[in-house]
């Protein structure tokens, strides 16, 4: 008998800085596109990330996901990597892959899409959505994809 599938969301907080800048563009073009977010010294945010997973409700525990295992995954793959870091210095961000919050969501989705299904022995747990709140007014949602790799944008030289 199949078990009902439910969604579970968990929030995490981290702080990081970044500079929105495309090296292939002039300083004037970058200032025009990114405004104060193009500050050469960067600027910081206290991010909230919400991760939503879905899977069958386990008959033995009544849970969708092993919460300590989910927390460990998020700490290892996201918080340990990005908390109190300058995002421009992370290997994922370079060239035209600007560390905007949208692109940060793409990178986080990429690593969690691989890790989340491994948290359940039945293999039916999946990542559904990544939501990142950059400020009280700005939040970004990225539905998880089944494709093996999201194509990173390329800016013209």
N, C-alpha and C. Protein backbone atom coordinates (compact mmCIF):
# COMPACT_ATOMS: atom_id res chain seq x y z
N UNK A 1 0.84 -1.18 0.00
CA UNK A 1 0.00 0.00 0.00
C UNK A 1 0.89 1.24 0.00
N UNK A 2 0.61 2.17 -0.91
CA UNK A 2 1.44 3.37 -0.97
C UNK A 2 1.03 4.35 0.12
N UNK A 3 2.01 5.06 0.59
CA UNK A 3 1.80 6.04 1.66
C UNK A 3 1.53 7.40 1.04
N UNK A 4 0.73 8.26 1.72
CA UNK A 4 0.50 9.62 1.22
C UNK A 4 1.81 10.40 1.12
N UNK A 5 1.89 11.23 0.12
CA UNK A 5 3.06 12.09 -0.08
C UNK A 5 2.75 13.46 0.52
N UNK A 6 3.70 13.98 1.26
CA UNK A 6 3.53 15.30 1.88
C UNK A 6 4.77 16.14 1.61
N UNK A 7 4.60 17.45 1.72
CA UNK A 7 5.70 18.41 1.59
C UNK A 7 6.13 18.85 2.98
N UNK A 8 7.43 19.01 3.17
CA UNK A 8 7.98 19.50 4.42
C UNK A 8 8.93 20.63 4.10
N UNK A 9 8.81 21.75 4.81
CA UNK A 9 9.69 22.91 4.61
C UNK A 9 10.43 23.21 5.90
N UNK A 10 11.69 23.59 5.76
CA UNK A 10 12.54 23.94 6.90
C UNK A 10 13.33 25.18 6.54
N UNK A 11 13.46 26.09 7.51
CA UNK A 11 14.17 27.36 7.29
C UNK A 11 15.53 27.34 7.98
N UNK A 12 16.49 28.00 7.32
CA UNK A 12 17.85 28.14 7.85
C UNK A 12 18.29 29.58 7.62
N UNK A 13 19.23 30.04 8.41
CA UNK A 13 19.71 31.42 8.29
C UNK A 13 21.23 31.41 8.13
N UNK A 14 21.71 32.30 7.27
CA UNK A 14 23.15 32.52 7.16
C UNK A 14 23.40 33.94 6.69
N UNK A 15 24.61 34.40 6.94
CA UNK A 15 25.02 35.75 6.55
C UNK A 15 26.16 35.64 5.55
N UNK A 16 26.09 36.45 4.51
CA UNK A 16 27.15 36.44 3.50
C UNK A 16 27.17 37.79 2.80
N UNK A 17 28.30 38.06 2.17
CA UNK A 17 28.42 39.29 1.38
C UNK A 17 28.65 38.93 -0.07
N UNK A 18 28.42 39.91 -0.94
CA UNK A 18 28.68 39.71 -2.36
C UNK A 18 28.79 41.06 -3.05
N UNK A 19 29.33 41.01 -4.25
CA UNK A 19 29.36 42.17 -5.14
C UNK A 19 28.77 41.71 -6.47
N UNK A 20 27.77 42.43 -6.92
CA UNK A 20 27.18 42.11 -8.21
C UNK A 20 27.96 42.86 -9.28
N UNK A 21 28.66 42.09 -10.11
CA UNK A 21 29.58 42.69 -11.08
C UNK A 21 29.90 41.66 -12.17
N UNK A 22 29.85 42.09 -13.41
CA UNK A 22 30.22 41.24 -14.54
C UNK A 22 31.52 41.80 -15.12
N UNK A 23 32.64 41.08 -15.00
CA UNK A 23 33.92 41.59 -15.47
C UNK A 23 33.93 41.98 -16.94
N UNK A 24 33.11 41.34 -17.76
CA UNK A 24 33.10 41.64 -19.20
C UNK A 24 32.45 43.00 -19.50
N UNK A 25 31.76 43.57 -18.53
CA UNK A 25 31.11 44.87 -18.72
C UNK A 25 31.95 45.98 -18.12
N UNK A 26 31.75 47.19 -18.61
CA UNK A 26 32.48 48.33 -18.06
C UNK A 26 31.97 48.66 -16.66
N UNK A 27 32.76 49.42 -15.92
CA UNK A 27 32.33 49.85 -14.59
C UNK A 27 31.03 50.64 -14.68
N UNK A 28 30.91 51.47 -15.71
CA UNK A 28 29.69 52.27 -15.89
C UNK A 28 28.48 51.36 -16.16
N UNK A 29 28.67 50.35 -17.01
CA UNK A 29 27.57 49.41 -17.29
C UNK A 29 27.17 48.65 -16.02
N UNK A 30 28.16 48.20 -15.26
CA UNK A 30 27.88 47.49 -14.02
C UNK A 30 27.12 48.37 -13.03
N UNK A 31 27.55 49.62 -12.89
CA UNK A 31 26.83 50.54 -11.98
C UNK A 31 25.42 50.78 -12.46
N UNK A 32 25.22 50.84 -13.78
CA UNK A 32 23.89 51.04 -14.33
C UNK A 32 22.96 49.86 -14.08
N UNK A 33 23.50 48.66 -14.14
CA UNK A 33 22.71 47.46 -13.93
C UNK A 33 22.48 47.19 -12.44
N UNK A 34 23.54 47.28 -11.65
CA UNK A 34 23.49 46.81 -10.26
C UNK A 34 23.40 47.92 -9.22
N UNK A 35 23.62 49.18 -9.61
CA UNK A 35 23.52 50.29 -8.66
C UNK A 35 24.42 50.09 -7.46
N UNK A 36 23.88 50.33 -6.25
CA UNK A 36 24.69 50.23 -5.04
C UNK A 36 25.17 48.81 -4.76
N UNK A 37 24.56 47.83 -5.39
CA UNK A 37 24.99 46.44 -5.20
C UNK A 37 26.30 46.14 -5.93
N UNK A 38 26.79 47.13 -6.70
CA UNK A 38 28.06 46.98 -7.40
C UNK A 38 29.21 47.59 -6.60
N UNK A 39 28.98 47.95 -5.36
CA UNK A 39 30.03 48.51 -4.50
C UNK A 39 31.28 47.64 -4.58
N UNK A 40 32.44 48.22 -4.91
CA UNK A 40 33.66 47.43 -5.06
C UNK A 40 34.03 46.61 -3.82
N UNK A 41 33.58 47.04 -2.65
CA UNK A 41 33.88 46.32 -1.40
C UNK A 41 32.80 45.29 -1.06
N UNK A 42 31.75 45.24 -1.85
CA UNK A 42 30.65 44.31 -1.60
C UNK A 42 29.69 44.85 -0.55
N UNK A 43 28.71 44.07 -0.25
CA UNK A 43 27.72 44.38 0.78
C UNK A 43 27.16 43.06 1.28
N UNK A 44 26.56 43.07 2.46
CA UNK A 44 26.12 41.82 3.07
C UNK A 44 24.63 41.71 3.27
N UNK A 45 24.21 40.47 3.48
CA UNK A 45 22.80 40.16 3.76
C UNK A 45 22.73 39.10 4.84
N UNK A 46 21.65 39.12 5.58
CA UNK A 46 21.29 38.03 6.48
C UNK A 46 20.20 37.25 5.75
N UNK A 47 20.60 36.19 5.10
CA UNK A 47 19.70 35.40 4.27
C UNK A 47 18.89 34.41 5.11
N UNK A 48 17.67 34.18 4.69
CA UNK A 48 16.86 33.06 5.17
C UNK A 48 16.64 32.16 3.97
N UNK A 49 16.92 30.88 4.15
CA UNK A 49 16.67 29.92 3.08
C UNK A 49 15.62 28.94 3.59
N UNK A 50 14.65 28.68 2.74
CA UNK A 50 13.62 27.68 3.06
C UNK A 50 13.73 26.57 2.02
N UNK A 51 13.89 25.36 2.50
CA UNK A 51 14.04 24.19 1.65
C UNK A 51 12.77 23.36 1.81
N UNK A 52 12.15 23.01 0.69
CA UNK A 52 10.95 22.17 0.71
C UNK A 52 11.26 20.86 0.02
N UNK A 53 10.96 19.78 0.73
CA UNK A 53 11.14 18.43 0.20
C UNK A 53 9.78 17.75 0.20
N UNK A 54 9.65 16.69 -0.59
CA UNK A 54 8.41 15.92 -0.63
C UNK A 54 8.73 14.44 -0.69
N UNK A 55 7.89 13.68 -0.04
CA UNK A 55 8.05 12.24 -0.06
C UNK A 55 6.92 11.57 0.68
N UNK A 56 6.89 10.26 0.62
CA UNK A 56 5.85 9.53 1.34
C UNK A 56 6.05 9.66 2.85
N UNK A 57 4.94 9.71 3.57
CA UNK A 57 5.00 9.75 5.03
C UNK A 57 5.34 8.35 5.51
N UNK A 58 6.45 8.22 6.21
CA UNK A 58 6.92 6.90 6.66
C UNK A 58 5.95 6.31 7.68
N UNK A 59 5.61 5.06 7.49
CA UNK A 59 4.67 4.39 8.39
C UNK A 59 5.23 4.26 9.80
N UNK A 60 6.55 4.03 9.92
CA UNK A 60 7.13 3.79 11.23
C UNK A 60 7.36 5.07 12.03
N UNK A 61 7.72 6.18 11.37
CA UNK A 61 8.01 7.42 12.11
C UNK A 61 6.92 8.47 11.97
N UNK A 62 6.15 8.39 10.89
CA UNK A 62 5.14 9.42 10.62
C UNK A 62 5.74 10.67 9.99
N UNK A 63 7.02 10.61 9.62
CA UNK A 63 7.73 11.76 9.05
C UNK A 63 7.94 11.60 7.55
N UNK A 64 8.12 12.74 6.88
CA UNK A 64 8.49 12.77 5.47
C UNK A 64 10.00 12.61 5.31
N UNK A 65 10.73 13.24 6.23
CA UNK A 65 12.20 13.26 6.13
C UNK A 65 12.79 13.14 7.53
N UNK A 66 13.96 12.54 7.59
CA UNK A 66 14.73 12.46 8.83
C UNK A 66 15.31 13.85 9.06
N UNK A 67 14.73 14.59 10.00
CA UNK A 67 15.12 15.99 10.21
C UNK A 67 16.60 16.18 10.55
N UNK A 68 17.18 15.39 11.46
CA UNK A 68 18.62 15.56 11.70
C UNK A 68 19.47 15.34 10.45
N UNK A 69 19.06 14.41 9.59
CA UNK A 69 19.81 14.17 8.35
C UNK A 69 19.67 15.36 7.41
N UNK A 70 18.46 15.94 7.31
CA UNK A 70 18.27 17.13 6.48
C UNK A 70 19.10 18.29 7.00
N UNK A 71 19.07 18.49 8.33
CA UNK A 71 19.87 19.56 8.93
C UNK A 71 21.36 19.36 8.64
N UNK A 72 21.84 18.14 8.77
CA UNK A 72 23.26 17.85 8.51
C UNK A 72 23.62 18.15 7.06
N UNK A 73 22.74 17.78 6.13
CA UNK A 73 22.97 18.07 4.71
C UNK A 73 23.06 19.57 4.48
N UNK A 74 22.12 20.32 5.03
CA UNK A 74 22.11 21.77 4.83
C UNK A 74 23.33 22.42 5.46
N UNK A 75 23.72 21.96 6.63
CA UNK A 75 24.92 22.53 7.26
C UNK A 75 26.16 22.24 6.43
N UNK A 76 26.29 21.01 5.98
CA UNK A 76 27.48 20.61 5.22
C UNK A 76 27.56 21.28 3.86
N UNK A 77 26.45 21.30 3.12
CA UNK A 77 26.47 21.75 1.73
C UNK A 77 26.16 23.23 1.54
N UNK A 78 25.51 23.86 2.52
CA UNK A 78 25.10 25.25 2.34
C UNK A 78 25.69 26.16 3.43
N UNK A 79 25.33 25.91 4.68
CA UNK A 79 25.73 26.83 5.75
C UNK A 79 27.24 26.86 5.96
N UNK A 80 27.88 25.70 6.03
CA UNK A 80 29.34 25.68 6.21
C UNK A 80 30.05 26.33 5.03
N UNK A 81 29.45 26.23 3.88
CA UNK A 81 30.06 26.76 2.65
C UNK A 81 29.87 28.27 2.52
N UNK A 82 28.66 28.78 2.84
CA UNK A 82 28.35 30.18 2.53
C UNK A 82 28.27 31.11 3.74
N UNK A 83 28.05 30.60 4.94
CA UNK A 83 27.88 31.49 6.09
C UNK A 83 29.16 32.27 6.39
N UNK A 84 29.01 33.57 6.50
CA UNK A 84 30.10 34.51 6.76
C UNK A 84 31.19 34.46 5.69
N UNK A 85 30.75 34.25 4.45
CA UNK A 85 31.67 34.21 3.33
C UNK A 85 31.35 35.35 2.36
N UNK A 86 32.32 35.67 1.53
CA UNK A 86 32.12 36.60 0.42
C UNK A 86 31.81 35.70 -0.78
N UNK A 87 30.58 35.74 -1.26
CA UNK A 87 30.13 34.80 -2.29
C UNK A 87 30.96 34.86 -3.57
N UNK A 88 31.51 36.03 -3.89
CA UNK A 88 32.33 36.15 -5.09
C UNK A 88 33.56 35.25 -5.02
N UNK A 89 33.97 34.86 -3.82
CA UNK A 89 35.15 34.02 -3.67
C UNK A 89 34.85 32.53 -3.75
N UNK A 90 33.57 32.18 -3.83
CA UNK A 90 33.19 30.77 -3.98
C UNK A 90 33.44 30.34 -5.42
N UNK A 91 33.94 29.13 -5.61
CA UNK A 91 34.29 28.64 -6.93
C UNK A 91 33.14 28.60 -7.92
N UNK A 92 31.90 28.53 -7.44
CA UNK A 92 30.75 28.48 -8.35
C UNK A 92 30.52 29.81 -9.06
N UNK A 93 30.94 30.89 -8.42
CA UNK A 93 30.65 32.20 -8.96
C UNK A 93 31.90 32.79 -9.59
N UNK A 94 31.81 33.01 -10.84
CA UNK A 94 32.93 33.57 -11.56
C UNK A 94 32.47 33.96 -12.95
N UNK A 95 33.19 34.85 -13.56
CA UNK A 95 32.80 35.28 -14.90
C UNK A 95 31.41 35.86 -14.90
N UNK A 96 30.55 35.32 -15.75
CA UNK A 96 29.20 35.85 -15.91
C UNK A 96 28.21 35.24 -14.92
N UNK A 97 28.63 34.29 -14.08
CA UNK A 97 27.72 33.71 -13.09
C UNK A 97 27.82 34.55 -11.82
N UNK A 98 27.14 35.67 -11.87
CA UNK A 98 27.17 36.68 -10.81
C UNK A 98 26.50 36.12 -9.55
N UNK A 99 27.05 36.39 -8.37
CA UNK A 99 26.45 35.84 -7.15
C UNK A 99 25.20 36.60 -6.69
N UNK A 100 24.27 36.79 -7.61
CA UNK A 100 22.97 37.34 -7.24
C UNK A 100 22.25 36.30 -6.39
N UNK A 101 21.22 36.71 -5.71
CA UNK A 101 20.48 35.74 -4.90
C UNK A 101 19.81 34.70 -5.79
N UNK A 102 19.39 35.09 -6.98
CA UNK A 102 18.82 34.13 -7.92
C UNK A 102 19.85 33.05 -8.28
N UNK A 103 21.08 33.47 -8.57
CA UNK A 103 22.12 32.50 -8.91
C UNK A 103 22.57 31.70 -7.70
N UNK A 104 22.52 32.31 -6.52
CA UNK A 104 22.79 31.56 -5.29
C UNK A 104 21.76 30.44 -5.14
N UNK A 105 20.51 30.73 -5.44
CA UNK A 105 19.46 29.71 -5.38
C UNK A 105 19.75 28.59 -6.37
N UNK A 106 20.23 28.92 -7.56
CA UNK A 106 20.58 27.90 -8.56
C UNK A 106 21.68 26.99 -8.02
N UNK A 107 22.70 27.56 -7.41
CA UNK A 107 23.80 26.76 -6.89
C UNK A 107 23.34 25.87 -5.73
N UNK A 108 22.53 26.42 -4.84
CA UNK A 108 22.03 25.63 -3.71
C UNK A 108 21.12 24.51 -4.21
N UNK A 109 20.27 24.82 -5.17
CA UNK A 109 19.39 23.79 -5.74
C UNK A 109 20.21 22.68 -6.37
N UNK A 110 21.30 23.04 -7.03
CA UNK A 110 22.15 22.05 -7.69
C UNK A 110 22.70 21.04 -6.69
N UNK A 111 23.21 21.50 -5.56
CA UNK A 111 23.81 20.57 -4.60
C UNK A 111 22.74 19.81 -3.80
N UNK A 112 21.63 20.45 -3.49
CA UNK A 112 20.59 19.76 -2.71
C UNK A 112 19.80 18.76 -3.55
N UNK A 113 19.66 19.04 -4.84
CA UNK A 113 18.96 18.11 -5.73
C UNK A 113 19.64 16.75 -5.72
N UNK A 114 20.94 16.74 -5.54
CA UNK A 114 21.70 15.49 -5.47
C UNK A 114 21.60 14.88 -4.07
N UNK A 115 21.72 15.70 -3.04
CA UNK A 115 21.79 15.21 -1.67
C UNK A 115 20.47 14.79 -1.05
N UNK A 116 19.39 15.48 -1.36
CA UNK A 116 18.10 15.18 -0.70
C UNK A 116 17.62 13.76 -0.95
N UNK A 117 17.61 13.25 -2.18
CA UNK A 117 17.12 11.88 -2.38
C UNK A 117 17.92 10.83 -1.60
N UNK A 118 19.17 11.12 -1.29
CA UNK A 118 20.01 10.18 -0.55
C UNK A 118 19.64 10.11 0.94
N UNK A 119 18.77 11.00 1.39
CA UNK A 119 18.38 11.01 2.80
C UNK A 119 17.36 9.94 3.14
N UNK A 120 16.76 9.32 2.14
CA UNK A 120 15.73 8.31 2.38
C UNK A 120 16.11 7.01 1.69
N UNK A 121 16.01 5.92 2.43
CA UNK A 121 16.39 4.62 1.86
C UNK A 121 15.46 4.20 0.73
N UNK A 122 14.23 4.69 0.74
CA UNK A 122 13.28 4.28 -0.31
C UNK A 122 13.50 5.03 -1.62
N UNK A 123 14.32 6.08 -1.60
CA UNK A 123 14.65 6.81 -2.82
C UNK A 123 13.53 7.68 -3.37
N UNK A 124 12.48 7.87 -2.61
CA UNK A 124 11.33 8.64 -3.10
C UNK A 124 11.30 10.07 -2.58
N UNK A 125 12.25 10.45 -1.75
CA UNK A 125 12.31 11.82 -1.26
C UNK A 125 12.91 12.70 -2.34
N UNK A 126 12.31 13.86 -2.56
CA UNK A 126 12.84 14.76 -3.60
C UNK A 126 12.79 16.20 -3.13
N UNK A 127 13.68 16.99 -3.67
CA UNK A 127 13.70 18.43 -3.44
C UNK A 127 12.60 19.05 -4.28
N UNK A 128 11.81 19.93 -3.69
CA UNK A 128 10.70 20.57 -4.40
C UNK A 128 11.00 22.03 -4.72
N UNK A 129 11.54 22.76 -3.74
CA UNK A 129 11.68 24.21 -3.92
C UNK A 129 12.76 24.76 -3.00
N UNK A 130 13.42 25.80 -3.47
CA UNK A 130 14.35 26.60 -2.68
C UNK A 130 13.79 28.01 -2.65
N UNK A 131 13.67 28.58 -1.47
CA UNK A 131 13.25 29.98 -1.33
C UNK A 131 14.33 30.68 -0.52
N UNK A 132 14.83 31.79 -1.05
CA UNK A 132 15.81 32.58 -0.33
C UNK A 132 15.26 33.98 -0.13
N UNK A 133 15.24 34.40 1.12
CA UNK A 133 14.86 35.77 1.45
C UNK A 133 16.15 36.55 1.67
N UNK A 134 16.35 37.54 0.81
CA UNK A 134 17.55 38.36 0.86
C UNK A 134 17.34 39.54 1.81
N UNK A 135 16.15 40.12 1.76
CA UNK A 135 15.77 41.23 2.63
C UNK A 135 14.31 41.01 3.03
N UNK A 136 13.77 41.90 3.84
CA UNK A 136 12.35 41.81 4.17
C UNK A 136 11.49 41.95 2.93
N UNK A 137 11.99 42.66 1.92
CA UNK A 137 11.21 42.94 0.72
C UNK A 137 11.53 42.04 -0.47
N UNK A 138 12.66 41.35 -0.46
CA UNK A 138 13.10 40.56 -1.61
C UNK A 138 13.23 39.09 -1.26
N UNK A 139 12.49 38.25 -1.97
CA UNK A 139 12.60 36.80 -1.81
C UNK A 139 12.58 36.18 -3.20
N UNK A 140 13.27 35.04 -3.34
CA UNK A 140 13.39 34.36 -4.62
C UNK A 140 13.05 32.90 -4.44
N UNK A 141 12.18 32.39 -5.29
CA UNK A 141 11.79 30.99 -5.28
C UNK A 141 12.35 30.31 -6.52
N UNK A 142 12.89 29.13 -6.33
CA UNK A 142 13.39 28.34 -7.44
C UNK A 142 12.88 26.91 -7.29
N UNK A 143 11.92 26.54 -8.11
CA UNK A 143 11.46 25.14 -8.06
C UNK A 143 12.61 24.21 -8.47
N UNK A 144 12.68 23.08 -7.81
CA UNK A 144 13.72 22.11 -8.15
C UNK A 144 13.43 21.52 -9.52
N UNK A 145 14.49 21.12 -10.18
CA UNK A 145 14.38 20.58 -11.53
C UNK A 145 14.82 19.13 -11.54
N UNK A 146 14.32 18.40 -12.47
CA UNK A 146 14.74 17.00 -12.62
C UNK A 146 15.94 16.88 -13.55
N UNK A 147 16.32 17.98 -14.20
CA UNK A 147 17.44 17.91 -15.14
C UNK A 147 18.75 17.76 -14.36
N UNK A 148 19.75 17.11 -14.95
CA UNK A 148 20.99 16.86 -14.22
C UNK A 148 21.80 18.11 -13.94
N UNK A 149 21.66 19.14 -14.71
CA UNK A 149 22.46 20.35 -14.50
C UNK A 149 21.74 21.55 -15.06
N UNK A 150 21.67 22.61 -14.28
CA UNK A 150 21.11 23.87 -14.77
C UNK A 150 22.20 24.60 -15.53
N UNK A 151 21.87 25.08 -16.70
CA UNK A 151 22.85 25.81 -17.49
C UNK A 151 23.07 27.19 -16.91
N UNK A 152 24.29 27.53 -16.67
CA UNK A 152 24.62 28.84 -16.15
C UNK A 152 24.64 29.84 -17.29
N UNK A 153 24.18 31.07 -17.03
CA UNK A 153 24.12 32.06 -18.09
C UNK A 153 25.51 32.51 -18.55
N UNK A 154 25.58 32.89 -19.80
CA UNK A 154 26.83 33.42 -20.35
C UNK A 154 26.54 34.82 -20.85
N UNK A 155 27.35 35.76 -20.41
CA UNK A 155 27.20 37.15 -20.84
C UNK A 155 28.11 37.36 -22.05
N UNK A 156 27.66 38.18 -22.99
CA UNK A 156 28.53 38.47 -24.13
C UNK A 156 29.77 39.23 -23.70
N UNK A 157 30.87 38.96 -24.36
CA UNK A 157 32.13 39.63 -24.02
C UNK A 157 32.13 41.05 -24.51
